Amino acid sequence: MSTDAERQLIQRIHTNPKYQELKAKRSKFSWTLSIMMFFIYYAFIMIVAFAPKFLGTKIMAGSVISIGIPIGVGVIVSAFVLTGIYVARANTEFDELNRQIKEETK
């Protein structure tokens, strides 16, 4: 059970404008990155579905590597890159807002 002091602290945090700003920024940013990843992945799947011969095209004459390999690796790498972008922003801007909220609600 929460005590009155805990409930008051939670209320102060929820009504803090910086907390509202943090929630809005974090939500918007995470949705933006999620939509980007969705489109990257969806585009790859659509190419697999509707243009498989394109993905099977060799990179150069005599090569055993098709265009699909680097594109598939690109999809995977893009997930790591987008995650890194989120972590970088979370460790700077979002953590700073968290720190400010903690200071203001002590």
Protein backbone atom coordinates (compact mmCIF):
# COMPACT_ATOMS: atom_id res chain seq x y z
CA MET A 1 0.00 0.00 0.00
CA SER A 2 1.12 3.52 -0.72
CA THR A 3 1.40 5.98 2.07
CA ASP A 4 0.06 9.52 1.83
CA ALA A 5 3.61 10.82 1.37
CA GLU A 6 4.17 8.46 -1.58
CA ARG A 7 0.85 9.45 -3.15
CA GLN A 8 1.70 13.14 -2.76
CA LEU A 9 5.11 12.59 -4.33
CA ILE A 10 3.54 10.76 -7.26
CA GLN A 11 1.01 13.58 -7.65
CA ARG A 12 3.78 16.23 -7.61
CA ILE A 13 5.70 14.31 -10.27
CA HIS A 14 2.63 13.84 -12.48
CA THR A 15 1.72 17.53 -12.30
CA ASN A 16 5.27 18.74 -12.93
CA PRO A 17 5.44 20.44 -16.38
CA LYS A 18 8.86 18.90 -17.01
CA TYR A 19 7.42 15.43 -16.43
CA GLN A 20 4.71 16.18 -18.99
CA GLU A 21 7.39 17.46 -21.37
CA LEU A 22 9.47 14.31 -20.80
CA LYS A 23 6.51 12.04 -21.47
CA ALA A 24 5.58 13.91 -24.65
CA LYS A 25 9.11 14.08 -26.05
CA ARG A 26 9.96 10.48 -25.22
CA SER A 27 6.69 9.19 -26.66
CA LYS A 28 6.96 11.22 -29.87
CA PHE A 29 10.59 10.24 -30.39
CA SER A 30 10.02 6.54 -29.74
CA TRP A 31 7.02 6.47 -32.06
CA THR A 32 9.02 8.25 -34.77
CA LEU A 33 11.85 5.71 -34.54
CA SER A 34 9.37 2.81 -34.42
CA ILE A 35 7.61 4.04 -37.55
CA MET A 36 10.97 4.44 -39.30
CA MET A 37 11.90 0.85 -38.43
CA PHE A 38 8.48 -0.35 -39.52
CA PHE A 39 8.90 1.26 -42.95
CA ILE A 40 12.43 -0.08 -43.38
CA TYR A 41 11.33 -3.60 -42.52
CA TYR A 42 8.05 -3.36 -44.46
CA ALA A 43 9.89 -2.10 -47.56
CA PHE A 44 12.27 -5.05 -47.35
CA ILE A 45 9.39 -7.53 -47.03
CA MET A 46 7.58 -5.90 -49.96
CA ILE A 47 10.69 -6.24 -52.10
CA VAL A 48 10.97 -9.91 -51.06
CA ALA A 49 7.31 -10.42 -51.96
CA PHE A 50 7.06 -8.46 -55.19
CA ALA A 51 10.60 -8.28 -56.59
CA PRO A 52 12.48 -11.37 -55.46
CA LYS A 53 14.50 -11.48 -58.68
CA PHE A 54 15.88 -8.03 -57.86
CA LEU A 55 17.17 -9.31 -54.52
CA GLY A 56 18.65 -12.33 -56.28
CA THR A 57 20.64 -10.16 -58.69
CA LYS A 58 24.37 -10.63 -58.25
CA ILE A 59 26.31 -7.59 -57.04
CA MET A 60 28.77 -8.01 -59.91
CA ALA A 61 29.48 -10.56 -62.59
CA GLY A 62 30.97 -13.72 -61.12
CA SER A 63 30.03 -12.79 -57.57
CA VAL A 64 28.22 -15.22 -55.30
CA ILE A 65 26.70 -12.39 -53.26
CA SER A 66 23.33 -11.08 -54.32
CA ILE A 67 21.92 -7.60 -53.73
CA GLY A 68 19.59 -9.07 -51.12
CA ILE A 69 22.44 -9.83 -48.71
CA PRO A 70 23.65 -6.25 -48.14
CA ILE A 71 20.06 -4.99 -48.13
CA GLY A 72 19.13 -7.56 -45.47
CA VAL A 73 22.20 -6.65 -43.44
CA GLY A 74 21.19 -3.00 -43.84
CA VAL A 75 17.79 -3.75 -42.31
CA ILE A 76 19.46 -5.37 -39.31
CA VAL A 77 22.05 -2.60 -38.97
CA SER A 78 19.32 0.04 -39.18
CA ALA A 79 17.67 -1.49 -36.09
CA PHE A 80 20.96 -1.14 -34.18
CA VAL A 81 21.47 2.41 -35.45
CA LEU A 82 17.95 3.51 -34.47
CA THR A 83 18.42 1.91 -31.06
CA GLY A 84 21.71 3.77 -30.66
CA ILE A 85 20.04 7.04 -31.61
CA TYR A 86 17.36 6.46 -28.97
CA VAL A 87 19.93 5.54 -26.30
CA ALA A 88 22.04 8.61 -27.10
CA ARG A 89 19.06 10.91 -26.70
CA ALA A 90 17.81 9.07 -23.62
CA ASN A 91 21.23 9.38 -21.97
CA THR A 92 21.38 13.12 -22.62
CA GLU A 93 18.11 14.99 -22.96
CA PHE A 94 15.77 12.52 -21.25
CA ASP A 95 18.14 11.83 -18.35
CA GLU A 96 18.62 15.57 -17.83
CA LEU A 97 14.85 16.09 -17.64
CA ASN A 98 14.63 13.18 -15.18
CA ARG A 99 17.31 14.79 -13.04
CA GLN A 100 15.49 18.13 -13.06
CA ILE A 101 12.21 16.46 -12.12
CA LYS A 102 13.89 14.67 -9.21
CA GLU A 103 15.42 17.92 -7.97
CA GLU A 104 12.14 19.78 -8.18
CA THR A 105 10.11 17.12 -6.38
CA LYS A 106 12.40 16.56 -3.40
